Amino acid sequence: MSGQPPEDAAEAAARPRGRPRMVIDLDAVADAVAGLVIDGGDKAISIVGAAERLDVSRATLYRLVPTKEDLVGIMFERATRQQTEVMDEVIRSATTVRDKLIRLIEMQVEAAVRMRGYMPVFFGGEGLPADVFERWHVWSREYEATWHACVEEAMAEGVLEPADVVTTTRLLLGMCLWVSRWFRPEDGIETEHIARVAVSLILPGNA
């Protein structure tokens, strides 16, 4: 007897000869889950489906990600991390508040198109573990606060017409986020065009 646990023996037998055990990258898991949702909706998320896309055994993936909710959580963590990194880069840039606002709108439209297949999962909270959903709420408030600061500065400098900052901020975000609901590649409308039109609605002369 080799002393190998039955589960490991079954996994080894299922793996082609000579194929090493794969170290699974969490970004690869996030990509796999996003692909499942885009192709089949949130009900398509499963350990089996993700393992197939990652080309690993279910047992291997299960050791890292034991539940469907954990899969969704990994996708969420990657999405918010990426969005925060891009936003922080925009805010820290040595440019005018007008250019920052334009870049924030472009960034948000691009994200809405890129994440259109699974963004409703985040906003609805369906399938997110309770702790992940709570982090989503915290993150979304902080994210909105960053937009709020930019909008407030834009009004102070005359880039935007004076108005209620909270309402304006949420209208801008809502306009961009709603792109995820109506965008269809077959319509032939490019992401860059959508962003330009969005900017022109609030900043005439930037169409």
N, C-alpha and C. Protein backbone atom coordinates (compact mmCIF):
# COMPACT_ATOMS: atom_id res chain seq x y z
N MET A 1 0.85 -1.20 0.00
CA MET A 1 0.00 0.00 0.00
C MET A 1 0.88 1.25 0.00
N SER A 2 0.49 2.26 -0.78
CA SER A 2 1.28 3.48 -0.86
C SER A 2 0.98 4.44 0.26
N GLY A 3 -0.18 4.24 0.92
CA GLY A 3 -0.56 5.17 1.97
C GLY A 3 -1.22 6.42 1.44
N GLN A 4 -1.47 6.47 0.14
CA GLN A 4 -2.07 7.65 -0.47
C GLN A 4 -3.56 7.67 -0.13
N PRO A 5 -4.12 8.81 0.36
CA PRO A 5 -5.54 8.90 0.67
C PRO A 5 -6.37 8.58 -0.56
N PRO A 6 -7.55 7.94 -0.38
CA PRO A 6 -8.38 7.56 -1.52
C PRO A 6 -8.70 8.72 -2.44
N GLU A 7 -8.99 9.90 -1.87
CA GLU A 7 -9.36 11.05 -2.70
C GLU A 7 -8.20 11.46 -3.58
N ASP A 8 -6.98 11.50 -2.99
CA ASP A 8 -5.80 11.88 -3.77
C ASP A 8 -5.51 10.83 -4.84
N ALA A 9 -5.74 9.56 -4.51
CA ALA A 9 -5.50 8.50 -5.48
C ALA A 9 -6.44 8.65 -6.66
N ALA A 10 -7.72 8.97 -6.37
CA ALA A 10 -8.69 9.15 -7.46
C ALA A 10 -8.32 10.34 -8.32
N GLU A 11 -7.86 11.40 -7.66
CA GLU A 11 -7.48 12.59 -8.42
C GLU A 11 -6.28 12.31 -9.31
N ALA A 12 -5.30 11.60 -8.75
CA ALA A 12 -4.10 11.28 -9.52
C ALA A 12 -4.45 10.41 -10.73
N ALA A 13 -5.40 9.47 -10.52
CA ALA A 13 -5.79 8.60 -11.62
C ALA A 13 -6.49 9.37 -12.72
N ALA A 14 -7.25 10.42 -12.33
CA ALA A 14 -7.99 11.21 -13.32
C ALA A 14 -7.08 12.16 -14.08
N ARG A 15 -5.93 12.49 -13.48
CA ARG A 15 -5.03 13.44 -14.11
C ARG A 15 -4.14 12.71 -15.10
N PRO A 16 -3.96 13.25 -16.32
CA PRO A 16 -3.09 12.59 -17.29
C PRO A 16 -1.71 12.34 -16.72
N ARG A 17 -1.10 11.22 -17.11
CA ARG A 17 0.22 10.84 -16.61
C ARG A 17 1.24 11.95 -16.87
N GLY A 18 1.97 12.29 -15.84
CA GLY A 18 3.02 13.29 -15.99
C GLY A 18 2.55 14.71 -15.77
N ARG A 19 1.23 14.90 -15.61
CA ARG A 19 0.72 16.25 -15.40
C ARG A 19 0.87 16.64 -13.94
N PRO A 20 1.58 17.72 -13.63
CA PRO A 20 1.79 18.10 -12.24
C PRO A 20 0.53 18.68 -11.64
N ARG A 21 0.44 18.63 -10.32
CA ARG A 21 -0.67 19.26 -9.63
C ARG A 21 -0.60 20.76 -9.89
N MET A 22 -1.72 21.32 -10.25
CA MET A 22 -1.74 22.73 -10.62
C MET A 22 -1.90 23.62 -9.39
N VAL A 23 -1.08 24.68 -9.31
CA VAL A 23 -1.27 25.70 -8.30
C VAL A 23 -2.25 26.71 -8.88
N ILE A 24 -3.41 26.81 -8.28
CA ILE A 24 -4.49 27.60 -8.87
C ILE A 24 -4.36 29.06 -8.47
N ASP A 25 -4.31 29.91 -9.46
CA ASP A 25 -4.25 31.35 -9.25
C ASP A 25 -5.66 31.89 -9.06
N LEU A 26 -5.86 32.75 -8.07
CA LEU A 26 -7.20 33.25 -7.78
C LEU A 26 -7.75 34.11 -8.92
N ASP A 27 -6.88 34.81 -9.64
CA ASP A 27 -7.35 35.57 -10.80
C ASP A 27 -7.89 34.63 -11.88
N ALA A 28 -7.25 33.46 -12.02
CA ALA A 28 -7.74 32.47 -12.99
C ALA A 28 -9.11 31.95 -12.56
N VAL A 29 -9.29 31.76 -11.26
CA VAL A 29 -10.60 31.34 -10.74
C VAL A 29 -11.65 32.41 -11.05
N ALA A 30 -11.29 33.67 -10.80
CA ALA A 30 -12.22 34.78 -11.08
C ALA A 30 -12.60 34.81 -12.56
N ASP A 31 -11.63 34.61 -13.43
CA ASP A 31 -11.91 34.57 -14.87
C ASP A 31 -12.87 33.43 -15.21
N ALA A 32 -12.64 32.27 -14.59
CA ALA A 32 -13.48 31.10 -14.86
C ALA A 32 -14.91 31.36 -14.42
N VAL A 33 -15.08 31.92 -13.24
CA VAL A 33 -16.43 32.19 -12.73
C VAL A 33 -17.12 33.24 -13.59
N ALA A 34 -16.39 34.29 -13.96
CA ALA A 34 -16.98 35.33 -14.81
C ALA A 34 -17.43 34.72 -16.14
N GLY A 35 -16.63 33.83 -16.69
CA GLY A 35 -16.99 33.18 -17.94
C GLY A 35 -18.25 32.35 -17.81
N LEU A 36 -18.39 31.66 -16.69
CA LEU A 36 -19.59 30.86 -16.45
C LEU A 36 -20.83 31.74 -16.41
N VAL A 37 -20.73 32.88 -15.72
CA VAL A 37 -21.89 33.77 -15.59
C VAL A 37 -22.24 34.39 -16.94
N ILE A 38 -21.22 34.82 -17.67
CA ILE A 38 -21.46 35.44 -18.97
C ILE A 38 -22.14 34.45 -19.92
N ASP A 39 -21.72 33.20 -19.86
CA ASP A 39 -22.28 32.19 -20.77
C ASP A 39 -23.64 31.66 -20.33
N GLY A 40 -23.85 31.56 -19.01
CA GLY A 40 -25.08 30.91 -18.56
C GLY A 40 -25.79 31.55 -17.40
N GLY A 41 -25.39 32.77 -17.01
CA GLY A 41 -26.04 33.42 -15.88
C GLY A 41 -25.49 32.90 -14.56
N ASP A 42 -25.95 33.50 -13.45
CA ASP A 42 -25.42 33.14 -12.15
C ASP A 42 -25.73 31.70 -11.76
N LYS A 43 -26.78 31.13 -12.33
CA LYS A 43 -27.12 29.73 -12.02
C LYS A 43 -26.11 28.76 -12.62
N ALA A 44 -25.28 29.24 -13.53
CA ALA A 44 -24.26 28.37 -14.15
C ALA A 44 -23.02 28.23 -13.28
N ILE A 45 -22.92 29.00 -12.21
CA ILE A 45 -21.74 28.94 -11.35
C ILE A 45 -21.75 27.64 -10.56
N SER A 46 -20.67 26.90 -10.64
CA SER A 46 -20.54 25.66 -9.89
C SER A 46 -19.07 25.28 -9.78
N ILE A 47 -18.76 24.45 -8.80
CA ILE A 47 -17.40 23.94 -8.64
C ILE A 47 -17.02 23.12 -9.86
N VAL A 48 -17.96 22.31 -10.34
CA VAL A 48 -17.70 21.46 -11.51
C VAL A 48 -17.38 22.31 -12.73
N GLY A 49 -18.22 23.31 -12.98
CA GLY A 49 -18.01 24.16 -14.15
C GLY A 49 -16.71 24.93 -14.08
N ALA A 50 -16.40 25.47 -12.91
CA ALA A 50 -15.16 26.22 -12.75
C ALA A 50 -13.95 25.31 -12.92
N ALA A 51 -14.03 24.10 -12.36
CA ALA A 51 -12.91 23.15 -12.48
C ALA A 51 -12.66 22.80 -13.94
N GLU A 52 -13.73 22.62 -14.70
CA GLU A 52 -13.58 22.30 -16.12
C GLU A 52 -12.89 23.44 -16.87
N ARG A 53 -13.28 24.67 -16.56
CA ARG A 53 -12.66 25.82 -17.24
C ARG A 53 -11.20 25.99 -16.83
N LEU A 54 -10.89 25.62 -15.61
CA LEU A 54 -9.51 25.74 -15.13
C LEU A 54 -8.66 24.53 -15.49
N ASP A 55 -9.33 23.48 -15.99
CA ASP A 55 -8.66 22.23 -16.36
C ASP A 55 -7.96 21.60 -15.16
N VAL A 56 -8.69 21.57 -14.04
CA VAL A 56 -8.22 20.87 -12.85
C VAL A 56 -9.35 19.97 -12.36
N SER A 57 -9.03 19.06 -11.47
CA SER A 57 -10.06 18.19 -10.93
C SER A 57 -10.92 18.94 -9.93
N ARG A 58 -12.13 18.43 -9.73
CA ARG A 58 -13.02 19.03 -8.74
C ARG A 58 -12.39 18.99 -7.35
N ALA A 59 -11.72 17.89 -7.04
CA ALA A 59 -11.11 17.76 -5.71
C ALA A 59 -10.04 18.82 -5.49
N THR A 60 -9.25 19.10 -6.52
CA THR A 60 -8.21 20.12 -6.41
C THR A 60 -8.82 21.50 -6.15
N LEU A 61 -9.84 21.85 -6.93
CA LEU A 61 -10.47 23.16 -6.76
C LEU A 61 -11.21 23.24 -5.43
N TYR A 62 -11.84 22.13 -5.03
CA TYR A 62 -12.62 22.11 -3.80
C TYR A 62 -11.77 22.41 -2.58
N ARG A 63 -10.50 22.02 -2.62
CA ARG A 63 -9.61 22.30 -1.50
C ARG A 63 -9.40 23.81 -1.32
N LEU A 64 -9.43 24.54 -2.43
CA LEU A 64 -9.22 25.99 -2.38
C LEU A 64 -10.54 26.74 -2.22
N VAL A 65 -11.58 26.26 -2.92
CA VAL A 65 -12.86 26.96 -2.95
C VAL A 65 -13.97 25.94 -2.68
N PRO A 66 -14.41 25.79 -1.45
CA PRO A 66 -15.34 24.72 -1.11
C PRO A 66 -16.79 24.93 -1.53
N THR A 67 -17.22 26.18 -1.81
CA THR A 67 -18.63 26.41 -2.13
C THR A 67 -18.79 27.33 -3.33
N LYS A 68 -19.99 27.30 -3.89
CA LYS A 68 -20.34 28.20 -4.99
C LYS A 68 -20.23 29.66 -4.54
N GLU A 69 -20.65 29.92 -3.30
CA GLU A 69 -20.59 31.28 -2.78
C GLU A 69 -19.15 31.78 -2.72
N ASP A 70 -18.23 30.88 -2.39
CA ASP A 70 -16.82 31.27 -2.35
C ASP A 70 -16.32 31.62 -3.75
N LEU A 71 -16.81 30.91 -4.75
CA LEU A 71 -16.44 31.24 -6.13
C LEU A 71 -16.88 32.66 -6.48
N VAL A 72 -18.13 32.99 -6.14
CA VAL A 72 -18.64 34.33 -6.41
C VAL A 72 -17.83 35.37 -5.64
N GLY A 73 -17.47 35.03 -4.41
CA GLY A 73 -16.67 35.94 -3.60
C GLY A 73 -15.33 36.26 -4.22
N ILE A 74 -14.69 35.26 -4.79
CA ILE A 74 -13.39 35.47 -5.45
C ILE A 74 -13.56 36.40 -6.65
N MET A 75 -14.63 36.19 -7.43
CA MET A 75 -14.89 37.06 -8.57
C MET A 75 -15.13 38.50 -8.10
N PHE A 76 -15.88 38.64 -7.02
CA PHE A 76 -16.15 39.96 -6.46
C PHE A 76 -14.87 40.66 -6.00
N GLU A 77 -14.04 39.94 -5.26
CA GLU A 77 -12.82 40.53 -4.73
C GLU A 77 -11.92 41.03 -5.84
N ARG A 78 -11.81 40.25 -6.91
CA ARG A 78 -10.95 40.67 -8.02
C ARG A 78 -11.53 41.90 -8.72
N ALA A 79 -12.86 41.89 -8.95
CA ALA A 79 -13.50 43.01 -9.64
C ALA A 79 -13.35 44.31 -8.87
N THR A 80 -13.59 44.28 -7.57
CA THR A 80 -13.48 45.51 -6.78
C THR A 80 -12.03 45.96 -6.65
N ARG A 81 -11.12 45.02 -6.55
CA ARG A 81 -9.70 45.39 -6.45
C ARG A 81 -9.26 46.11 -7.73
N GLN A 82 -9.60 45.55 -8.87
CA GLN A 82 -9.21 46.16 -10.13
C GLN A 82 -9.81 47.55 -10.29
N GLN A 83 -11.10 47.66 -9.95
CA GLN A 83 -11.78 48.95 -10.11
C GLN A 83 -11.17 50.00 -9.18
N THR A 84 -10.84 49.60 -7.98
CA THR A 84 -10.24 50.53 -7.02
C THR A 84 -8.87 50.98 -7.50
N GLU A 85 -8.08 50.06 -8.03
CA GLU A 85 -6.75 50.41 -8.51
C GLU A 85 -6.81 51.43 -9.64
N VAL A 86 -7.74 51.24 -10.58
CA VAL A 86 -7.87 52.16 -11.70
C VAL A 86 -8.35 53.52 -11.20
N MET A 87 -9.35 53.51 -10.32
CA MET A 87 -9.88 54.77 -9.80
C MET A 87 -8.82 55.54 -9.03
N ASP A 88 -8.06 54.86 -8.20
CA ASP A 88 -7.01 55.53 -7.43
C ASP A 88 -5.96 56.15 -8.34
N GLU A 89 -5.65 55.46 -9.43
CA GLU A 89 -4.68 55.99 -10.38
C GLU A 89 -5.20 57.29 -11.01
N VAL A 90 -6.50 57.31 -11.32
CA VAL A 90 -7.10 58.52 -11.90
C VAL A 90 -7.05 59.66 -10.89
N ILE A 91 -7.46 59.40 -9.67
CA ILE A 91 -7.53 60.45 -8.66
C ILE A 91 -6.14 60.99 -8.32
N ARG A 92 -5.13 60.14 -8.32
CA ARG A 92 -3.77 60.58 -7.98
C ARG A 92 -3.05 61.28 -9.13
N SER A 93 -3.60 61.18 -10.32
CA SER A 93 -2.93 61.75 -11.49
C SER A 93 -2.82 63.27 -11.38
N ALA A 94 -1.73 63.79 -11.92
CA ALA A 94 -1.48 65.23 -11.88
C ALA A 94 -2.17 65.89 -13.06
N THR A 95 -3.49 65.99 -12.99
CA THR A 95 -4.26 66.56 -14.07
C THR A 95 -5.41 67.38 -13.50
N THR A 96 -6.17 68.02 -14.36
CA THR A 96 -7.27 68.87 -13.89
C THR A 96 -8.44 68.03 -13.42
N VAL A 97 -9.30 68.65 -12.61
CA VAL A 97 -10.48 67.93 -12.13
C VAL A 97 -11.40 67.59 -13.30
N ARG A 98 -11.40 68.42 -14.32
CA ARG A 98 -12.22 68.14 -15.51
C ARG A 98 -11.77 66.84 -16.16
N ASP A 99 -10.45 66.70 -16.34
CA ASP A 99 -9.92 65.49 -16.96
C ASP A 99 -10.14 64.27 -16.07
N LYS A 100 -10.05 64.47 -14.76
CA LYS A 100 -10.30 63.35 -13.85
C LYS A 100 -11.74 62.88 -13.96
N LEU A 101 -12.68 63.81 -14.03
CA LEU A 101 -14.08 63.46 -14.13
C LEU A 101 -14.35 62.71 -15.44
N ILE A 102 -13.74 63.19 -16.52
CA ILE A 102 -13.90 62.51 -17.81
C ILE A 102 -13.35 61.10 -17.73
N ARG A 103 -12.19 60.96 -17.12
CA ARG A 103 -11.58 59.63 -17.02
C ARG A 103 -12.40 58.70 -16.12
N LEU A 104 -12.99 59.23 -15.06
CA LEU A 104 -13.84 58.41 -14.20
C LEU A 104 -15.05 57.88 -14.97
N ILE A 105 -15.64 58.74 -15.79
CA ILE A 105 -16.79 58.31 -16.60
C ILE A 105 -16.35 57.24 -17.60
N GLU A 106 -15.23 57.47 -18.27
CA GLU A 106 -14.73 56.47 -19.22
C GLU A 106 -14.46 55.14 -18.53
N MET A 107 -13.85 55.22 -17.35
CA MET A 107 -13.53 54.02 -16.58
C MET A 107 -14.80 53.26 -16.19
N GLN A 108 -15.83 54.01 -15.77
CA GLN A 108 -17.05 53.37 -15.30
C GLN A 108 -17.82 52.73 -16.44
N VAL A 109 -17.84 53.38 -17.59
CA VAL A 109 -18.51 52.80 -18.76
C VAL A 109 -17.79 51.53 -19.21
N GLU A 110 -16.46 51.59 -19.24
CA GLU A 110 -15.69 50.42 -19.64
C GLU A 110 -15.95 49.25 -18.69
N ALA A 111 -16.01 49.54 -17.39
CA ALA A 111 -16.26 48.49 -16.40
C ALA A 111 -17.67 47.92 -16.57
N ALA A 112 -18.63 48.78 -16.85
CA ALA A 112 -20.01 48.32 -17.04
C ALA A 112 -20.11 47.36 -18.22
N VAL A 113 -19.39 47.65 -19.29
CA VAL A 113 -19.40 46.78 -20.46
C VAL A 113 -18.65 45.48 -20.15
N ARG A 114 -17.50 45.59 -19.53
CA ARG A 114 -16.67 44.42 -19.25
C ARG A 114 -17.35 43.46 -18.26
N MET A 115 -18.04 44.01 -17.28
CA MET A 115 -18.64 43.17 -16.25
C MET A 115 -20.15 43.00 -16.40
N ARG A 116 -20.66 43.30 -17.61
CA ARG A 116 -22.11 43.30 -17.80
C ARG A 116 -22.76 41.95 -17.51
N GLY A 117 -22.02 40.87 -17.70
CA GLY A 117 -22.61 39.55 -17.51
C GLY A 117 -22.85 39.19 -16.06
N TYR A 118 -22.08 39.80 -15.17
CA TYR A 118 -22.21 39.41 -13.77
C TYR A 118 -22.39 40.57 -12.79
N MET A 119 -22.45 41.80 -13.29
CA MET A 119 -22.67 42.93 -12.39
C MET A 119 -23.98 42.82 -11.59
N PRO A 120 -25.07 42.30 -12.20
CA PRO A 120 -26.31 42.15 -11.42
C PRO A 120 -26.13 41.24 -10.20
N VAL A 121 -25.19 40.30 -10.25
CA VAL A 121 -24.95 39.43 -9.10
C VAL A 121 -24.51 40.25 -7.90
N PHE A 122 -23.64 41.24 -8.15
CA PHE A 122 -23.15 42.08 -7.07
C PHE A 122 -24.26 42.95 -6.49
N PHE A 123 -25.00 43.62 -7.37
CA PHE A 123 -26.01 44.56 -6.89
C PHE A 123 -27.18 43.86 -6.22
N GLY A 124 -27.51 42.67 -6.70
CA GLY A 124 -28.60 41.93 -6.08
C GLY A 124 -28.16 41.20 -4.83
N GLY A 125 -26.87 40.91 -4.75
CA GLY A 125 -26.34 40.20 -3.60
C GLY A 125 -26.60 38.71 -3.62
N GLU A 126 -27.31 38.23 -4.65
CA GLU A 126 -27.65 36.81 -4.71
C GLU A 126 -26.39 35.98 -4.94
N GLY A 127 -26.15 35.02 -4.05
CA GLY A 127 -25.01 34.14 -4.22
C GLY A 127 -23.75 34.63 -3.53
N LEU A 128 -23.79 35.83 -2.97
CA LEU A 128 -22.61 36.34 -2.27
C LEU A 128 -22.66 35.90 -0.80
N PRO A 129 -21.55 35.39 -0.27
CA PRO A 129 -21.51 35.10 1.17
C PRO A 129 -21.79 36.37 1.96
N ALA A 130 -22.36 36.23 3.16
CA ALA A 130 -22.76 37.40 3.94
C ALA A 130 -21.61 38.36 4.19
N ASP A 131 -20.41 37.81 4.50
CA ASP A 131 -19.27 38.69 4.78
C ASP A 131 -18.81 39.41 3.53
N VAL A 132 -18.90 38.73 2.38
CA VAL A 132 -18.50 39.36 1.12
C VAL A 132 -19.50 40.45 0.75
N PHE A 133 -20.80 40.17 0.95
CA PHE A 133 -21.83 41.17 0.63
C PHE A 133 -21.66 42.40 1.50
N GLU A 134 -21.28 42.20 2.76
CA GLU A 134 -21.05 43.34 3.65
C GLU A 134 -19.85 44.15 3.17
N ARG A 135 -18.80 43.46 2.73
CA ARG A 135 -17.63 44.18 2.18
C ARG A 135 -18.02 44.94 0.93
N TRP A 136 -18.95 44.38 0.15
CA TRP A 136 -19.44 45.06 -1.06
C TRP A 136 -20.09 46.39 -0.68
N HIS A 137 -20.91 46.38 0.37
CA HIS A 137 -21.57 47.60 0.80
C HIS A 137 -20.55 48.63 1.26
N VAL A 138 -19.57 48.20 2.04
CA VAL A 138 -18.53 49.11 2.51
C VAL A 138 -17.76 49.68 1.33
N TRP A 139 -17.36 48.80 0.40
CA TRP A 139 -16.60 49.23 -0.77
C TRP A 139 -17.41 50.22 -1.62
N SER A 140 -18.69 49.92 -1.85
CA SER A 140 -19.50 50.78 -2.70
C SER A 140 -19.67 52.17 -2.09
N ARG A 141 -19.77 52.24 -0.77
CA ARG A 141 -19.87 53.55 -0.12
C ARG A 141 -18.57 54.34 -0.28
N GLU A 142 -17.45 53.67 -0.11
CA GLU A 142 -16.15 54.33 -0.28
C GLU A 142 -15.93 54.75 -1.73
N TYR A 143 -16.37 53.90 -2.64
CA TYR A 143 -16.24 54.18 -4.07
C TYR A 143 -17.05 55.42 -4.43
N GLU A 144 -18.29 55.46 -3.95
CA GLU A 144 -19.15 56.61 -4.21
C GLU A 144 -18.57 57.88 -3.58
N ALA A 145 -17.97 57.74 -2.41
CA ALA A 145 -17.39 58.90 -1.74
C ALA A 145 -16.26 59.52 -2.57
N THR A 146 -15.49 58.68 -3.26
CA THR A 146 -14.42 59.19 -4.11
C THR A 146 -15.00 59.97 -5.28
N TRP A 147 -16.04 59.42 -5.90
CA TRP A 147 -16.74 60.13 -6.97
C TRP A 147 -17.32 61.45 -6.43
N HIS A 148 -17.92 61.37 -5.26
CA HIS A 148 -18.54 62.55 -4.64
C HIS A 148 -17.52 63.68 -4.51
N ALA A 149 -16.31 63.36 -4.04
CA ALA A 149 -15.27 64.37 -3.86
C ALA A 149 -14.89 65.00 -5.19
N CYS A 150 -14.80 64.20 -6.24
CA CYS A 150 -14.45 64.72 -7.56
C CYS A 150 -15.55 65.61 -8.11
N VAL A 151 -16.79 65.18 -7.95
CA VAL A 151 -17.93 65.98 -8.42
C VAL A 151 -17.99 67.30 -7.66
N GLU A 152 -17.78 67.26 -6.36
CA GLU A 152 -17.82 68.48 -5.54
C GLU A 152 -16.73 69.46 -5.98
N GLU A 153 -15.54 68.95 -6.24
CA GLU A 153 -14.45 69.80 -6.70
C GLU A 153 -14.75 70.38 -8.08
N ALA A 154 -15.36 69.55 -8.93
CA ALA A 154 -15.71 70.01 -10.28
C ALA A 154 -16.72 71.15 -10.22
N MET A 155 -17.66 71.08 -9.30
CA MET A 155 -18.64 72.16 -9.13
C MET A 155 -17.96 73.41 -8.59
N ALA A 156 -17.05 73.22 -7.63
CA ALA A 156 -16.36 74.37 -7.03
C ALA A 156 -15.53 75.12 -8.06
N GLU A 157 -14.99 74.39 -9.05
CA GLU A 157 -14.15 75.02 -10.07
C GLU A 157 -14.94 75.44 -11.31
N GLY A 158 -16.25 75.26 -11.29
CA GLY A 158 -17.08 75.68 -12.40
C GLY A 158 -17.11 74.71 -13.57
N VAL A 159 -16.56 73.51 -13.37
CA VAL A 159 -16.58 72.49 -14.43
C VAL A 159 -17.98 71.93 -14.59
N LEU A 160 -18.68 71.75 -13.47
CA LEU A 160 -20.07 71.31 -13.46
C LEU A 160 -20.94 72.43 -12.90
N GLU A 161 -22.20 72.46 -13.36
CA GLU A 161 -23.15 73.42 -12.81
C GLU A 161 -23.41 73.08 -11.34
N PRO A 162 -23.53 74.11 -10.50
CA PRO A 162 -23.82 73.85 -9.08
C PRO A 162 -25.14 73.09 -8.92
N ALA A 163 -25.13 72.08 -8.08
CA ALA A 163 -26.32 71.28 -7.83
C ALA A 163 -26.05 70.45 -6.58
N ASP A 164 -27.05 69.67 -6.17
CA ASP A 164 -26.84 68.78 -5.04
C ASP A 164 -25.79 67.74 -5.41
N VAL A 165 -24.72 67.67 -4.63
CA VAL A 165 -23.58 66.82 -4.99
C VAL A 165 -23.94 65.35 -4.93
N VAL A 166 -24.66 64.93 -3.89
CA VAL A 166 -25.03 63.52 -3.76
C VAL A 166 -25.90 63.09 -4.93
N THR A 167 -26.91 63.87 -5.25
CA THR A 167 -27.80 63.52 -6.36
C THR A 167 -27.04 63.46 -7.67
N THR A 168 -26.19 64.46 -7.91
CA THR A 168 -25.41 64.50 -9.15
C THR A 168 -24.50 63.29 -9.25
N THR A 169 -23.82 62.98 -8.17
CA THR A 169 -22.91 61.83 -8.16
C THR A 169 -23.65 60.54 -8.50
N ARG A 170 -24.78 60.33 -7.86
CA ARG A 170 -25.51 59.08 -8.08
C ARG A 170 -26.14 59.03 -9.47
N LEU A 171 -26.52 60.17 -10.02
CA LEU A 171 -27.03 60.19 -11.38
C LEU A 171 -25.92 59.83 -12.38
N LEU A 172 -24.72 60.37 -12.15
CA LEU A 172 -23.60 60.04 -13.03
C LEU A 172 -23.25 58.56 -12.96
N LEU A 173 -23.15 58.05 -11.74
CA LEU A 173 -22.84 56.63 -11.58
C LEU A 173 -23.94 55.76 -12.18
N GLY A 174 -25.19 56.13 -11.92
CA GLY A 174 -26.30 55.34 -12.44
C GLY A 174 -26.32 55.32 -13.95
N MET A 175 -26.03 56.46 -14.58
CA MET A 175 -25.98 56.53 -16.04
C MET A 175 -24.94 55.56 -16.59
N CYS A 176 -23.78 55.53 -15.96
CA CYS A 176 -22.70 54.67 -16.43
C CYS A 176 -23.00 53.19 -16.15
N LEU A 177 -23.47 52.90 -14.95
CA LEU A 177 -23.73 51.52 -14.57
C LEU A 177 -24.85 50.90 -15.41
N TRP A 178 -25.82 51.70 -15.80
CA TRP A 178 -26.94 51.17 -16.57
C TRP A 178 -26.51 50.65 -17.93
N VAL A 179 -25.35 51.09 -18.39
CA VAL A 179 -24.83 50.57 -19.67
C VAL A 179 -24.73 49.05 -19.62
N SER A 180 -24.44 48.50 -18.44
CA SER A 180 -24.31 47.05 -18.31
C SER A 180 -25.61 46.33 -18.63
N ARG A 181 -26.74 47.03 -18.53
CA ARG A 181 -28.04 46.39 -18.77
C ARG A 181 -28.45 46.42 -20.24
N TRP A 182 -27.99 47.44 -20.98
CA TRP A 182 -28.48 47.54 -22.35
C TRP A 182 -27.42 47.30 -23.42
N PHE A 183 -26.14 47.26 -23.04
CA PHE A 183 -25.09 47.09 -24.04
C PHE A 183 -25.19 45.72 -24.70
N ARG A 184 -25.13 45.70 -26.02
CA ARG A 184 -25.11 44.47 -26.81
C ARG A 184 -24.04 44.60 -27.90
N PRO A 185 -23.04 43.75 -27.93
CA PRO A 185 -21.97 43.87 -28.94
C PRO A 185 -22.52 43.89 -30.37
N GLU A 186 -23.60 43.14 -30.59
CA GLU A 186 -24.15 43.06 -31.94
C GLU A 186 -24.74 44.38 -32.43
N ASP A 187 -24.97 45.33 -31.51
CA ASP A 187 -25.49 46.63 -31.93
C ASP A 187 -24.43 47.47 -32.61
N GLY A 188 -23.17 47.10 -32.43
CA GLY A 188 -22.08 47.81 -33.08
C GLY A 188 -21.73 49.15 -32.44
N ILE A 189 -22.19 49.38 -31.22
CA ILE A 189 -21.86 50.62 -30.51
C ILE A 189 -20.60 50.39 -29.67
N GLU A 190 -19.57 51.14 -29.96
CA GLU A 190 -18.30 50.93 -29.26
C GLU A 190 -18.31 51.57 -27.88
N THR A 191 -17.56 50.95 -26.99
CA THR A 191 -17.47 51.45 -25.61
C THR A 191 -16.99 52.89 -25.58
N GLU A 192 -16.00 53.21 -26.40
CA GLU A 192 -15.44 54.56 -26.42
C GLU A 192 -16.50 55.58 -26.84
N HIS A 193 -17.37 55.18 -27.76
CA HIS A 193 -18.43 56.08 -28.21
C HIS A 193 -19.42 56.34 -27.08
N ILE A 194 -19.78 55.30 -26.35
CA ILE A 194 -20.70 55.45 -25.23
C ILE A 194 -20.13 56.43 -24.21
N ALA A 195 -18.85 56.28 -23.90
CA ALA A 195 -18.21 57.16 -22.93
C ALA A 195 -18.20 58.60 -23.43
N ARG A 196 -17.91 58.81 -24.72
CA ARG A 196 -17.88 60.17 -25.27
C ARG A 196 -19.25 60.83 -25.17
N VAL A 197 -20.29 60.08 -25.49
CA VAL A 197 -21.65 60.63 -25.41
C VAL A 197 -22.00 60.96 -23.96
N ALA A 198 -21.64 60.07 -23.05
CA ALA A 198 -21.91 60.31 -21.62
C ALA A 198 -21.23 61.59 -21.16
N VAL A 199 -19.96 61.76 -21.56
CA VAL A 199 -19.22 62.98 -21.17
C VAL A 199 -19.88 64.22 -21.78
N SER A 200 -20.31 64.12 -23.04
CA SER A 200 -20.89 65.28 -23.72
C SER A 200 -22.19 65.72 -23.07
N LEU A 201 -22.88 64.82 -22.38
CA LEU A 201 -24.13 65.17 -21.73
C LEU A 201 -23.91 66.12 -20.55
N ILE A 202 -22.77 66.01 -19.91
CA ILE A 202 -22.52 66.85 -18.73
C ILE A 202 -21.44 67.90 -18.97
N LEU A 203 -20.59 67.65 -19.99
CA LEU A 203 -19.52 68.59 -20.30
C LEU A 203 -19.57 68.92 -21.79
N PRO A 204 -20.43 69.83 -22.22
CA PRO A 204 -20.52 70.19 -23.63
C PRO A 204 -19.15 70.57 -24.19
N GLY A 205 -18.92 70.14 -25.44
CA GLY A 205 -17.64 70.43 -26.07
C GLY A 205 -16.70 69.26 -26.02
N ASN A 206 -17.10 68.14 -25.34
CA ASN A 206 -16.26 66.96 -25.26
C ASN A 206 -16.84 65.78 -26.03
N ALA A 207 -17.74 66.00 -26.95
CA ALA A 207 -18.35 64.91 -27.71
C ALA A 207 -17.33 64.32 -28.65
